[in-house]
C-alpha cells in the first residue's frame, strides 16, 4: 500500500492530477487525486491470488474473469478522467461497456426474493435489472466521494460487515475478497482521513462502488454462501438514499441533474457548518448501524427481510427534510 501511495503521488505530480478548489469544492487547498489506484491495485492483486491459488475459494472462472476485466475497464477510464477530465457521456459509455462485460460473463441477478411474490425468476429481465443495479451503485458511490475519509471509511466498514456475514454463511471467495477490499481501503484511508493528503478520485470511488455491486451479485448467486442480495443495499443504504433523494429533489426543481453541484445531503451538512470529520463520522456511524441491521436481516428467513429497510428509510427522510429546512432557513443557495 505504501508503494502504491508513493506511485500515486508520483503520477499526480508529473501528470498534474490535482484537485484545484472551485465554487463547488468543500476543501480549500490543492490536493493530489487519483489515489484510488492504490485501492484498485491491491484489491485486484489480492482477489487474483485468492482465485488462482486458493483450493476452496475459486468461483467459476468465467465469472471471475468477467469481474476482473470489467473492473479493469472501469478503472482505466476513471483513471484517465482523474488525469485529463472526460465528458459525462464518455464516462457513462465506459461504465456501460464494463457492465456489459460482466453481464456477458454470466454475472446476473436471475432470482429475487420479494414479499408477496416469494422467489421471482427474472428470466430475460435479469439483464436490465443487473445492469441498473451495478450502474446505480457505481455512480451512487462516486457521487458520495466529496468529503475527506467518507468513501474510504465507509468502504472499510461495509466490507468488514459483508465479510463477516458471508463468512458466517459459508462463503469462500467473497468473504476473502471483502477482507481484501477492507484492507486496501484502510491503507488508503490513512492518507485520506481529514485533513486529507490525497483524494481517491473517480478511479477509487467508481471502482469501489462497482466492486461492491458485483460482489453482491456473486455472493448471492454464485458463491457458497448465497448471501441475500439485499445485504449490500442495506450496508450502503445511506449512500443510496442520499443519491436518490438529491436526484429527485433536483429533478422536481427543474435543475439539470447531469451537472456538477453541491446539493447532496452530506455536502449540505458540511455547508451548514459541520466539519469534514464530523460529517464523515456521522455517515460512518450510519454504516455501522446498517451493518448491525444486515446481520439481523440475514437471520430472518423469507422475503420479509426487506422490511428492515423501513426504519432507515423513515429516519433518513426525516433527517433530509430537517437538513433542507435548515438550508432554507439560513438562506444557503443550493
C-alpha atoms as a PDB file:
ATOM      1  CA  UNK A   1       0.000   0.000   0.000  1.00  0.00           C
ATOM      2  CA  UNK A   2       2.893   2.360   0.773  1.00  0.00           C
ATOM      3  CA  UNK A   3       4.388   1.688  -2.671  1.00  0.00           C
ATOM      4  CA  UNK A   4       1.011   2.301  -4.328  1.00  0.00           C
ATOM      5  CA  UNK A   5       0.603   5.563  -2.454  1.00  0.00           C
ATOM      6  CA  UNK A   6       4.077   6.709  -3.486  1.00  0.00           C
ATOM      7  CA  UNK A   7       3.300   5.788  -7.083  1.00  0.00           C
ATOM      8  CA  UNK A   8       0.085   7.782  -6.903  1.00  0.00           C
ATOM      9  CA  UNK A   9       1.902  10.886  -5.650  1.00  0.00           C
ATOM     10  CA  UNK A  10       4.448  10.464  -8.474  1.00  0.00           C
ATOM     11  CA  UNK A  11       1.740  10.194 -11.149  1.00  0.00           C
ATOM     12  CA  UNK A  12      -0.201  13.104  -9.699  1.00  0.00           C
ATOM     13  CA  UNK A  13       2.863  15.343  -9.763  1.00  0.00           C
ATOM     14  CA  UNK A  14       4.019  14.508 -13.284  1.00  0.00           C
ATOM     15  CA  UNK A  15       0.585  14.283 -14.924  1.00  0.00           C
ATOM     16  CA  UNK A  16      -0.682  17.295 -12.988  1.00  0.00           C
ATOM     17  CA  UNK A  17      -3.577  15.323 -11.467  1.00  0.00           C
ATOM     18  CA  UNK A  18      -4.513  17.791  -8.775  1.00  0.00           C
ATOM     19  CA  UNK A  19      -7.881  18.784  -7.407  1.00  0.00           C
ATOM     20  CA  UNK A  20      -7.967  22.573  -7.543  1.00  0.00           C
ATOM     21  CA  UNK A  21     -10.700  24.128  -5.353  1.00  0.00           C
ATOM     22  CA  UNK A  22     -13.581  25.880  -7.116  1.00  0.00           C
ATOM     23  CA  UNK A  23     -17.026  27.173  -6.163  1.00  0.00           C
ATOM     24  CA  UNK A  24     -18.316  23.594  -5.740  1.00  0.00           C
ATOM     25  CA  UNK A  25     -15.414  22.350  -3.631  1.00  0.00           C
ATOM     26  CA  UNK A  26     -15.605  21.563   0.067  1.00  0.00           C
ATOM     27  CA  UNK A  27     -11.829  21.851   0.507  1.00  0.00           C
ATOM     28  CA  UNK A  28      -9.510  24.864   0.253  1.00  0.00           C
ATOM     29  CA  UNK A  29      -6.107  23.500  -0.715  1.00  0.00           C
ATOM     30  CA  UNK A  30      -4.739  21.991  -3.925  1.00  0.00           C
ATOM     31  CA  UNK A  31      -4.666  18.227  -3.329  1.00  0.00           C
ATOM     32  CA  UNK A  32      -3.386  15.350  -5.490  1.00  0.00           C
ATOM     33  CA  UNK A  33      -6.089  12.988  -6.722  1.00  0.00           C
ATOM     34  CA  UNK A  34      -6.181   9.550  -8.282  1.00  0.00           C
ATOM     35  CA  UNK A  35      -5.191   7.830  -5.051  1.00  0.00           C
ATOM     36  CA  UNK A  36      -7.832   5.173  -5.633  1.00  0.00           C
ATOM     37  CA  UNK A  37      -5.368   3.423  -7.938  1.00  0.00           C
ATOM     38  CA  UNK A  38      -3.748   2.079  -4.770  1.00  0.00           C
ATOM     39  CA  UNK A  39      -7.055   0.563  -3.644  1.00  0.00           C
ATOM     40  CA  UNK A  40      -7.704  -0.935  -7.070  1.00  0.00           C
ATOM     41  CA  UNK A  41      -4.186  -2.377  -7.442  1.00  0.00           C
ATOM     42  CA  UNK A  42      -4.186  -4.002  -4.010  1.00  0.00           C
ATOM     43  CA  UNK A  43      -7.704  -5.384  -4.404  1.00  0.00           C
ATOM     44  CA  UNK A  44      -7.310  -6.884  -7.882  1.00  0.00           C
ATOM     45  CA  UNK A  45      -3.956  -8.414  -6.959  1.00  0.00           C
ATOM     46  CA  UNK A  46      -5.495  -9.872  -3.820  1.00  0.00           C
ATOM     47  CA  UNK A  47      -8.554 -11.435  -5.432  1.00  0.00           C
ATOM     48  CA  UNK A  48      -6.385 -12.868  -8.214  1.00  0.00           C
ATOM     49  CA  UNK A  49      -4.311 -14.707  -5.616  1.00  0.00           C
ATOM     50  CA  UNK A  50      -7.480 -15.812  -3.834  1.00  0.00           C
ATOM     51  CA  UNK A  51      -8.945 -17.245  -7.026  1.00  0.00           C
ATOM     52  CA  UNK A  52      -5.919 -18.860  -8.640  1.00  0.00           C
ATOM     53  CA  UNK A  53      -4.072 -20.123  -5.556  1.00  0.00           C
ATOM     54  CA  UNK A  54      -6.837 -20.988  -3.067  1.00  0.00           C
ATOM     55  CA  UNK A  55      -8.082 -24.558  -3.277  1.00  0.00           C
ATOM     56  CA  UNK A  56     -11.532 -23.877  -1.798  1.00  0.00           C
ATOM     57  CA  UNK A  57     -12.042 -20.245  -2.747  1.00  0.00           C
ATOM     58  CA  UNK A  58     -12.367 -20.151  -6.563  1.00  0.00           C
ATOM     59  CA  UNK A  59     -15.650 -19.266  -8.211  1.00  0.00           C
ATOM     60  CA  UNK A  60     -16.484 -20.348 -11.755  1.00  0.00           C
ATOM     61  CA  UNK A  61     -13.594 -18.930 -13.827  1.00  0.00           C
ATOM     62  CA  UNK A  62     -15.735 -17.064 -16.425  1.00  0.00           C
ATOM     63  CA  UNK A  63     -17.421 -15.162 -13.563  1.00  0.00           C
ATOM     64  CA  UNK A  64     -14.074 -14.261 -12.051  1.00  0.00           C
ATOM     65  CA  UNK A  65     -12.581 -13.169 -15.376  1.00  0.00           C
ATOM     66  CA  UNK A  66     -15.698 -11.151 -16.132  1.00  0.00           C
ATOM     67  CA  UNK A  67     -15.314  -9.394 -12.765  1.00  0.00           C
ATOM     68  CA  UNK A  68     -11.600  -8.830 -13.330  1.00  0.00           C
ATOM     69  CA  UNK A  69     -11.777  -7.490 -16.889  1.00  0.00           C
ATOM     70  CA  UNK A  70     -14.835  -5.305 -16.272  1.00  0.00           C
ATOM     71  CA  UNK A  71     -13.046  -3.841 -13.230  1.00  0.00           C
ATOM     72  CA  UNK A  72     -10.017  -3.050 -15.378  1.00  0.00           C
ATOM     73  CA  UNK A  73     -12.194  -1.337 -17.990  1.00  0.00           C
ATOM     74  CA  UNK A  74     -13.949   0.901 -15.497  1.00  0.00           C
ATOM     75  CA  UNK A  75     -10.669   1.609 -13.692  1.00  0.00           C
ATOM     76  CA  UNK A  76      -8.829   2.611 -16.876  1.00  0.00           C
ATOM     77  CA  UNK A  77     -11.458   5.147 -17.897  1.00  0.00           C
ATOM     78  CA  UNK A  78     -11.825   6.523 -14.365  1.00  0.00           C
ATOM     79  CA  UNK A  79      -8.067   6.949 -14.042  1.00  0.00           C
ATOM     80  CA  UNK A  80      -7.943   8.727 -17.397  1.00  0.00           C
ATOM     81  CA  UNK A  81     -10.733  11.024 -16.182  1.00  0.00           C
ATOM     82  CA  UNK A  82      -8.809  11.855 -12.997  1.00  0.00           C
ATOM     83  CA  UNK A  83      -5.789  12.938 -15.000  1.00  0.00           C
ATOM     84  CA  UNK A  84      -7.339  14.544 -18.071  1.00  0.00           C
ATOM     85  CA  UNK A  85     -11.081  15.032 -17.357  1.00  0.00           C
ATOM     86  CA  UNK A  86     -13.561  13.493 -19.781  1.00  0.00           C
ATOM     87  CA  UNK A  87     -17.167  14.256 -20.598  1.00  0.00           C
ATOM     88  CA  UNK A  88     -20.061  12.707 -18.711  1.00  0.00           C
ATOM     89  CA  UNK A  89     -21.133  10.840 -21.853  1.00  0.00           C
ATOM     90  CA  UNK A  90     -17.720   9.224 -22.231  1.00  0.00           C
ATOM     91  CA  UNK A  91     -17.626   8.198 -18.565  1.00  0.00           C
ATOM     92  CA  UNK A  92     -21.106   6.739 -18.818  1.00  0.00           C
ATOM     93  CA  UNK A  93     -20.175   4.921 -22.029  1.00  0.00           C
ATOM     94  CA  UNK A  94     -17.151   3.361 -20.336  1.00  0.00           C
ATOM     95  CA  UNK A  95     -19.266   2.232 -17.399  1.00  0.00           C
ATOM     96  CA  UNK A  96     -21.795   0.664 -19.756  1.00  0.00           C
ATOM     97  CA  UNK A  97     -19.052  -1.250 -21.565  1.00  0.00           C
ATOM     98  CA  UNK A  98     -17.623  -2.508 -18.267  1.00  0.00           C
ATOM     99  CA  UNK A  99     -21.042  -3.654 -17.053  1.00  0.00           C
ATOM    100  CA  UNK A 100     -21.786  -5.407 -20.354  1.00  0.00           C
ATOM    101  CA  UNK A 101     -18.513  -7.338 -19.995  1.00  0.00           C
ATOM    102  CA  UNK A 102     -19.709  -8.552 -16.619  1.00  0.00           C
ATOM    103  CA  UNK A 103     -23.161  -9.466 -17.926  1.00  0.00           C
ATOM    104  CA  UNK A 104     -21.724 -11.417 -20.841  1.00  0.00           C
ATOM    105  CA  UNK A 105     -19.564 -13.419 -18.431  1.00  0.00           C
ATOM    106  CA  UNK A 106     -22.769 -14.590 -16.727  1.00  0.00           C
ATOM    107  CA  UNK A 107     -22.882 -12.319 -13.656  1.00  0.00           C
ATOM    108  CA  UNK A 108     -26.668 -11.847 -13.394  1.00  0.00           C
ATOM    109  CA  UNK A 109     -29.401 -11.317 -10.825  1.00  0.00           C
ATOM    110  CA  UNK A 110     -31.614 -14.103 -12.147  1.00  0.00           C
ATOM    111  CA  UNK A 111     -33.679 -14.616  -8.962  1.00  0.00           C
ATOM    112  CA  UNK A 112     -35.052 -12.176  -6.400  1.00  0.00           C
ATOM    113  CA  UNK A 113     -36.927 -12.889  -3.160  1.00  0.00           C
ATOM    114  CA  UNK A 114     -39.717 -10.359  -2.638  1.00  0.00           C
ATOM    115  CA  UNK A 115     -42.704 -10.074  -0.273  1.00  0.00           C
ATOM    116  CA  UNK A 116     -45.936 -11.461  -1.750  1.00  0.00           C
ATOM    117  CA  UNK A 117     -44.138 -12.824  -4.826  1.00  0.00           C
ATOM    118  CA  UNK A 118     -41.729 -15.017  -2.811  1.00  0.00           C
ATOM    119  CA  UNK A 119     -38.935 -16.148  -5.200  1.00  0.00           C
ATOM    120  CA  UNK A 120     -39.234 -14.437  -8.578  1.00  0.00           C
ATOM    121  CA  UNK A 121     -37.332 -15.817 -11.561  1.00  0.00           C
ATOM    122  CA  UNK A 122     -36.286 -12.777 -13.576  1.00  0.00           C
ATOM    123  CA  UNK A 123     -35.799 -14.505 -16.921  1.00  0.00           C
ATOM    124  CA  UNK A 124     -34.791 -12.006 -19.596  1.00  0.00           C
ATOM    125  CA  UNK A 125     -35.330  -9.169 -17.093  1.00  0.00           C
ATOM    126  CA  UNK A 126     -32.194 -10.329 -15.283  1.00  0.00           C
ATOM    127  CA  UNK A 127     -30.103  -8.328 -17.754  1.00  0.00           C
ATOM    128  CA  UNK A 128     -31.673  -4.879 -17.265  1.00  0.00           C
ATOM    129  CA  UNK A 129     -32.054  -5.471 -13.520  1.00  0.00           C
ATOM    130  CA  UNK A 130     -28.383  -6.361 -13.077  1.00  0.00           C
ATOM    131  CA  UNK A 131     -27.347  -3.528 -15.384  1.00  0.00           C
ATOM    132  CA  UNK A 132     -29.302  -0.925 -13.400  1.00  0.00           C
ATOM    133  CA  UNK A 133     -28.100  -2.280 -10.043  1.00  0.00           C
ATOM    134  CA  UNK A 134     -24.418  -2.112 -10.985  1.00  0.00           C
ATOM    135  CA  UNK A 135     -24.707   1.222 -12.799  1.00  0.00           C
ATOM    136  CA  UNK A 136     -26.716   2.749  -9.949  1.00  0.00           C
ATOM    137  CA  UNK A 137     -24.423   1.704  -7.102  1.00  0.00           C
ATOM    138  CA  UNK A 138     -21.292   2.562  -9.089  1.00  0.00           C
ATOM    139  CA  UNK A 139     -22.448   6.142  -9.540  1.00  0.00           C
ATOM    140  CA  UNK A 140     -24.029   6.469  -6.083  1.00  0.00           C
ATOM    141  CA  UNK A 141     -20.662   5.670  -4.544  1.00  0.00           C
ATOM    142  CA  UNK A 142     -18.897   8.042  -6.904  1.00  0.00           C
ATOM    143  CA  UNK A 143     -21.286  10.892  -6.065  1.00  0.00           C
ATOM    144  CA  UNK A 144     -20.716  10.473  -2.317  1.00  0.00           C
ATOM    145  CA  UNK A 145     -16.949  10.864  -2.557  1.00  0.00           C
ATOM    146  CA  UNK A 146     -16.898  14.545  -1.652  1.00  0.00           C
ATOM    147  CA  UNK A 147     -15.553  14.784   1.904  1.00  0.00           C
ATOM    148  CA  UNK A 148     -12.308  13.573   3.433  1.00  0.00           C
ATOM    149  CA  UNK A 149     -12.467   9.971   4.593  1.00  0.00           C
ATOM    150  CA  UNK A 150     -16.131   9.447   3.700  1.00  0.00           C
ATOM    151  CA  UNK A 151     -15.892   6.991   0.801  1.00  0.00           C
ATOM    152  CA  UNK A 152     -12.811   5.138   2.062  1.00  0.00           C
ATOM    153  CA  UNK A 153     -14.082   4.888   5.641  1.00  0.00           C
ATOM    154  CA  UNK A 154     -17.444   3.577   4.519  1.00  0.00           C
ATOM    155  CA  UNK A 155     -15.719   1.038   2.269  1.00  0.00           C
ATOM    156  CA  UNK A 156     -13.743  -0.325   5.229  1.00  0.00           C
ATOM    157  CA  UNK A 157     -16.778  -0.724   7.486  1.00  0.00           C
ATOM    158  CA  UNK A 158     -19.177  -2.045   4.830  1.00  0.00           C
ATOM    159  CA  UNK A 159     -16.604  -4.527   3.515  1.00  0.00           C
ATOM    160  CA  UNK A 160     -15.884  -5.829   7.021  1.00  0.00           C
ATOM    161  CA  UNK A 161     -19.581  -6.366   7.759  1.00  0.00           C
ATOM    162  CA  UNK A 162     -20.065  -8.039   4.358  1.00  0.00           C
ATOM    163  CA  UNK A 163     -17.059 -10.280   5.018  1.00  0.00           C
ATOM    164  CA  UNK A 164     -18.429 -11.297   8.426  1.00  0.00           C
ATOM    165  CA  UNK A 165     -21.894 -12.086   7.053  1.00  0.00           C
ATOM    166  CA  UNK A 166     -20.519 -14.071   4.113  1.00  0.00           C
ATOM    167  CA  UNK A 167     -18.104 -15.973   6.370  1.00  0.00           C
ATOM    168  CA  UNK A 168     -20.836 -16.943   8.826  1.00  0.00           C
ATOM    169  CA  UNK A 169     -22.978 -18.138   5.932  1.00  0.00           C
ATOM    170  CA  UNK A 170     -20.179 -20.268   4.489  1.00  0.00           C
ATOM    171  CA  UNK A 171     -18.739 -18.056   1.770  1.00  0.00           C
ATOM    172  CA  UNK A 172     -15.271 -18.685   0.428  1.00  0.00           C
ATOM    173  CA  UNK A 173     -14.367 -16.250  -2.359  1.00  0.00           C
ATOM    174  CA  UNK A 174     -16.451 -13.180  -1.420  1.00  0.00           C
ATOM    175  CA  UNK A 175     -15.540 -13.453   2.278  1.00  0.00           C
ATOM    176  CA  UNK A 176     -11.840 -13.117   1.441  1.00  0.00           C
ATOM    177  CA  UNK A 177     -12.488 -10.602  -1.357  1.00  0.00           C
ATOM    178  CA  UNK A 178     -14.349  -8.369   1.100  1.00  0.00           C
ATOM    179  CA  UNK A 179     -11.485  -8.542   3.586  1.00  0.00           C
ATOM    180  CA  UNK A 180      -9.124  -7.595   0.753  1.00  0.00           C
ATOM    181  CA  UNK A 181     -11.249  -4.574  -0.149  1.00  0.00           C
ATOM    182  CA  UNK A 182     -11.431  -3.535   3.515  1.00  0.00           C
ATOM    183  CA  UNK A 183      -7.654  -3.801   3.905  1.00  0.00           C
ATOM    184  CA  UNK A 184      -6.862  -1.897   0.696  1.00  0.00           C
ATOM    185  CA  UNK A 185      -9.373   0.829   1.591  1.00  0.00           C
ATOM    186  CA  UNK A 186      -7.980   1.141   5.122  1.00  0.00           C
ATOM    187  CA  UNK A 187      -4.465   1.532   3.737  1.00  0.00           C
ATOM    188  CA  UNK A 188      -5.685   4.465   1.671  1.00  0.00           C
ATOM    189  CA  UNK A 189      -7.799   5.899   4.496  1.00  0.00           C
ATOM    190  CA  UNK A 190      -4.617   6.612   6.448  1.00  0.00           C
ATOM    191  CA  UNK A 191      -3.782   9.242   3.819  1.00  0.00           C
ATOM    192  CA  UNK A 192      -7.369  10.359   3.218  1.00  0.00           C
ATOM    193  CA  UNK A 193      -8.577  10.919   6.796  1.00  0.00           C
ATOM    194  CA  UNK A 194      -9.374  14.594   7.487  1.00  0.00           C
ATOM    195  CA  UNK A 195      -7.449  16.648   6.610  1.00  0.00           C
ATOM    196  CA  UNK A 196      -6.788  14.533   3.518  1.00  0.00           C
ATOM    197  CA  UNK A 197      -3.320  14.419   1.986  1.00  0.00           C
ATOM    198  CA  UNK A 198      -4.676  12.820  -1.196  1.00  0.00           C
ATOM    199  CA  UNK A 199      -8.081  12.166  -2.799  1.00  0.00           C
ATOM    200  CA  UNK A 200      -9.114   8.809  -4.243  1.00  0.00           C
ATOM    201  CA  UNK A 201     -10.697  10.392  -7.318  1.00  0.00           C
ATOM    202  CA  UNK A 202     -13.044   8.623  -9.702  1.00  0.00           C
ATOM    203  CA  UNK A 203     -10.610   5.742 -10.057  1.00  0.00           C
ATOM    204  CA  UNK A 204     -11.258   4.950  -6.406  1.00  0.00           C
ATOM    205  CA  UNK A 205     -14.897   5.813  -5.765  1.00  0.00           C
ATOM    206  CA  UNK A 206     -16.197   4.448  -9.063  1.00  0.00           C
ATOM    207  CA  UNK A 207     -14.170   1.269  -8.669  1.00  0.00           C
ATOM    208  CA  UNK A 208     -15.306   0.654  -5.078  1.00  0.00           C
ATOM    209  CA  UNK A 209     -18.971   1.147  -5.986  1.00  0.00           C
ATOM    210  CA  UNK A 210     -18.591  -1.179  -8.957  1.00  0.00           C
ATOM    211  CA  UNK A 211     -16.764  -3.798  -6.874  1.00  0.00           C
ATOM    212  CA  UNK A 212     -19.420  -3.749  -4.143  1.00  0.00           C
ATOM    213  CA  UNK A 213     -22.211  -4.097  -6.706  1.00  0.00           C
ATOM    214  CA  UNK A 214     -20.626  -7.059  -8.498  1.00  0.00           C
ATOM    215  CA  UNK A 215     -19.566  -8.790  -5.277  1.00  0.00           C
ATOM    216  CA  UNK A 216     -23.155  -8.596  -4.046  1.00  0.00           C
ATOM    217  CA  UNK A 217     -24.359 -10.445  -7.148  1.00  0.00           C
ATOM    218  CA  UNK A 218     -21.601 -13.068  -6.940  1.00  0.00           C
ATOM    219  CA  UNK A 219     -22.265 -13.648  -3.223  1.00  0.00           C
ATOM    220  CA  UNK A 220     -25.993 -14.035  -3.818  1.00  0.00           C
ATOM    221  CA  UNK A 221     -25.904 -16.283  -6.843  1.00  0.00           C
ATOM    222  CA  UNK A 222     -22.518 -17.989  -7.310  1.00  0.00           C
ATOM    223  CA  UNK A 223     -20.532 -18.232  -4.064  1.00  0.00           C
ATOM    224  CA  UNK A 224     -21.137 -20.936  -1.467  1.00  0.00           C
ATOM    225  CA  UNK A 225     -22.946 -18.622   0.949  1.00  0.00           C
ATOM    226  CA  UNK A 226     -25.737 -17.450  -1.402  1.00  0.00           C
ATOM    227  CA  UNK A 227     -25.905 -14.359   0.794  1.00  0.00           C
ATOM    228  CA  UNK A 228     -29.093 -12.338   0.379  1.00  0.00           C
ATOM    229  CA  UNK A 229     -28.859  -9.752  -2.395  1.00  0.00           C
ATOM    230  CA  UNK A 230     -30.425  -7.223  -0.008  1.00  0.00           C
ATOM    231  CA  UNK A 231     -27.368  -7.180   2.294  1.00  0.00           C
ATOM    232  CA  UNK A 232     -25.300  -4.801   0.159  1.00  0.00           C
ATOM    233  CA  UNK A 233     -28.121  -2.277  -0.461  1.00  0.00           C
ATOM    234  CA  UNK A 234     -28.677  -2.191   3.306  1.00  0.00           C
ATOM    235  CA  UNK A 235     -24.977  -1.736   4.106  1.00  0.00           C
ATOM    236  CA  UNK A 236     -24.837   1.254   1.732  1.00  0.00           C
ATOM    237  CA  UNK A 237     -28.403   2.453   2.164  1.00  0.00           C
ATOM    238  CA  UNK A 238     -27.396   5.944   3.356  1.00  0.00           C
ATOM    239  CA  UNK A 239     -25.402   6.444   0.134  1.00  0.00           C
ATOM    240  CA  UNK A 240     -28.264   5.139  -1.986  1.00  0.00           C
ATOM    241  CA  UNK A 241     -30.811   7.317  -0.164  1.00  0.00           C
ATOM    242  CA  UNK A 242     -28.638  10.444  -0.374  1.00  0.00           C
ATOM    243  CA  UNK A 243     -28.139   9.956  -4.123  1.00  0.00           C
ATOM    244  CA  UNK A 244     -31.789   9.156  -4.871  1.00  0.00           C
ATOM    245  CA  UNK A 245     -33.169  11.969  -2.671  1.00  0.00           C
ATOM    246  CA  UNK A 246     -30.824  14.535  -4.219  1.00  0.00           C
ATOM    247  CA  UNK A 247     -31.555  13.350  -7.764  1.00  0.00           C
ATOM    248  CA  UNK A 248     -35.326  13.561  -7.430  1.00  0.00           C
ATOM    249  CA  UNK A 249     -35.228  16.837  -5.497  1.00  0.00           C
ATOM    250  CA  UNK A 250     -33.159  18.451  -8.252  1.00  0.00           C
ATOM    251  CA  UNK A 251     -35.406  16.898 -10.887  1.00  0.00           C
ATOM    252  CA  UNK A 252     -38.524  18.339  -9.234  1.00  0.00           C
ATOM    253  CA  UNK A 253     -36.794  21.718  -9.078  1.00  0.00           C
ATOM    254  CA  UNK A 254     -36.247  21.545 -12.866  1.00  0.00           C
ATOM    255  CA  UNK A 255     -32.459  21.513 -12.451  1.00  0.00           C
ATOM    256  CA  UNK A 256     -30.063  19.815 -14.843  1.00  0.00           C
ATOM    257  CA  UNK A 257     -29.361  16.606 -12.920  1.00  0.00           C
ATOM    258  CA  UNK A 258     -26.283  15.852 -15.027  1.00  0.00           C
ATOM    259  CA  UNK A 259     -24.320  18.949 -13.992  1.00  0.00           C
ATOM    260  CA  UNK A 260     -21.949  19.126 -11.024  1.00  0.00           C
ATOM    261  CA  UNK A 261     -23.385  20.530  -7.813  1.00  0.00           C
ATOM    262  CA  UNK A 262     -23.048  20.723  -4.021  1.00  0.00           C
ATOM    263  CA  UNK A 263     -26.568  19.643  -3.133  1.00  0.00           C
ATOM    264  CA  UNK A 264     -26.041  16.165  -1.699  1.00  0.00           C
ATOM    265  CA  UNK A 265     -27.188  15.835   1.893  1.00  0.00           C
ATOM    266  CA  UNK A 266     -23.660  15.254   3.193  1.00  0.00           C
ATOM    267  CA  UNK A 267     -22.499  18.371   1.336  1.00  0.00           C
ATOM    268  CA  UNK A 268     -25.357  20.399   2.800  1.00  0.00           C
ATOM    269  CA  UNK A 269     -24.393  19.233   6.295  1.00  0.00           C
ATOM    270  CA  UNK A 270     -20.873  20.447   5.612  1.00  0.00           C
ATOM    271  CA  UNK A 271     -22.176  23.787   4.324  1.00  0.00           C
ATOM    272  CA  UNK A 272     -24.265  24.153   7.471  1.00  0.00           C
ATOM    273  CA  UNK A 273     -21.010  24.379   9.399  1.00  0.00           C
ATOM    274  CA  UNK A 274     -20.173  20.776  10.264  1.00  0.00           C
ATOM    275  CA  UNK A 275     -16.567  19.819   9.542  1.00  0.00           C
ATOM    276  CA  UNK A 276     -15.407  17.076   7.189  1.00  0.00           C
ATOM    277  CA  UNK A 277     -14.569  14.896  10.173  1.00  0.00           C
ATOM    278  CA  UNK A 278     -17.944  15.437  11.841  1.00  0.00           C
ATOM    279  CA  UNK A 279     -19.984  14.624   8.723  1.00  0.00           C
ATOM    280  CA  UNK A 280     -17.775  11.643   7.909  1.00  0.00           C
ATOM    281  CA  UNK A 281     -18.170  10.256  11.432  1.00  0.00           C
ATOM    282  CA  UNK A 282     -21.960  10.643  11.189  1.00  0.00           C
ATOM    283  CA  UNK A 283     -22.035   8.669   7.931  1.00  0.00           C
ATOM    284  CA  UNK A 284     -19.657   6.032   9.297  1.00  0.00           C
ATOM    285  CA  UNK A 285     -21.916   5.611  12.328  1.00  0.00           C
ATOM    286  CA  UNK A 286     -24.831   5.080   9.921  1.00  0.00           C
ATOM    287  CA  UNK A 287     -22.784   2.393   8.163  1.00  0.00           C
ATOM    288  CA  UNK A 288     -22.207   0.593  11.470  1.00  0.00           C
ATOM    289  CA  UNK A 289     -25.924   0.672  12.315  1.00  0.00           C
ATOM    290  CA  UNK A 290     -26.778  -0.629   8.848  1.00  0.00           C
ATOM    291  CA  UNK A 291     -24.158  -3.339   9.269  1.00  0.00           C
ATOM    292  CA  UNK A 292     -25.709  -4.493  12.532  1.00  0.00           C
ATOM    293  CA  UNK A 293     -29.136  -4.436  10.875  1.00  0.00           C
ATOM    294  CA  UNK A 294     -27.747  -6.524   7.997  1.00  0.00           C
ATOM    295  CA  UNK A 295     -26.546  -9.168  10.460  1.00  0.00           C
ATOM    296  CA  UNK A 296     -30.042  -9.256  11.929  1.00  0.00           C
ATOM    297  CA  UNK A 297     -31.627  -9.297   8.472  1.00  0.00           C
ATOM    298  CA  UNK A 298     -29.886 -12.477   7.317  1.00  0.00           C
ATOM    299  CA  UNK A 299     -31.181 -14.274  10.403  1.00  0.00           C
ATOM    300  CA  UNK A 300     -34.732 -13.665   9.145  1.00  0.00           C
ATOM    301  CA  UNK A 301     -35.972 -16.254   6.700  1.00  0.00           C
ATOM    302  CA  UNK A 302     -38.007 -15.326   3.662  1.00  0.00           C
ATOM    303  CA  UNK A 303     -38.633 -12.159   1.672  1.00  0.00           C
ATOM    304  CA  UNK A 304     -39.774 -10.266   4.789  1.00  0.00           C
ATOM    305  CA  UNK A 305     -36.138  -9.236   5.127  1.00  0.00           C
ATOM    306  CA  UNK A 306     -36.843  -6.124   3.053  1.00  0.00           C
ATOM    307  CA  UNK A 307     -38.897  -4.653   5.891  1.00  0.00           C
ATOM    308  CA  UNK A 308     -35.601  -3.987   7.725  1.00  0.00           C
ATOM    309  CA  UNK A 309     -35.128  -1.059   5.335  1.00  0.00           C
ATOM    310  CA  UNK A 310     -38.240   0.786   6.554  1.00  0.00           C
ATOM    311  CA  UNK A 311     -36.881   2.268   9.830  1.00  0.00           C
ATOM    312  CA  UNK A 312     -33.814   3.568   7.991  1.00  0.00           C
ATOM    313  CA  UNK A 313     -35.925   4.976   5.165  1.00  0.00           C
ATOM    314  CA  UNK A 314     -38.172   6.858   7.599  1.00  0.00           C
ATOM    315  CA  UNK A 315     -35.220   8.107   9.645  1.00  0.00           C
ATOM    316  CA  UNK A 316     -33.257   9.307   6.604  1.00  0.00           C
ATOM    317  CA  UNK A 317     -36.282  11.036   5.112  1.00  0.00           C
ATOM    318  CA  UNK A 318     -36.882  12.930   8.365  1.00  0.00           C
ATOM    319  CA  UNK A 319     -33.205  13.910   8.523  1.00  0.00           C
ATOM    320  CA  UNK A 320     -33.268  15.032   4.892  1.00  0.00           C
ATOM    321  CA  UNK A 321     -36.282  17.259   5.476  1.00  0.00           C
ATOM    322  CA  UNK A 322     -34.564  18.737   8.541  1.00  0.00           C
ATOM    323  CA  UNK A 323     -31.382  19.471   6.558  1.00  0.00           C
ATOM    324  CA  UNK A 324     -33.316  21.100   3.711  1.00  0.00           C
ATOM    325  CA  UNK A 325     -35.259  23.172   6.237  1.00  0.00           C
ATOM    326  CA  UNK A 326     -32.052  24.400   7.878  1.00  0.00           C
ATOM    327  CA  UNK A 327     -30.554  25.258   4.491  1.00  0.00           C
ATOM    328  CA  UNK A 328     -33.585  27.351   3.566  1.00  0.00           C
ATOM    329  CA  UNK A 329     -33.648  28.970   6.995  1.00  0.00           C
ATOM    330  CA  UNK A 330     -30.025  30.108   6.598  1.00  0.00           C
ATOM    331  CA  UNK A 331     -30.590  31.215   3.014  1.00  0.00           C
ATOM    332  CA  UNK A 332     -27.870  28.966   1.593  1.00  0.00           C
ATOM    333  CA  UNK A 333     -28.160  28.639  -2.168  1.00  0.00           C
ATOM    334  CA  UNK A 334     -28.083  25.044  -3.362  1.00  0.00           C
END
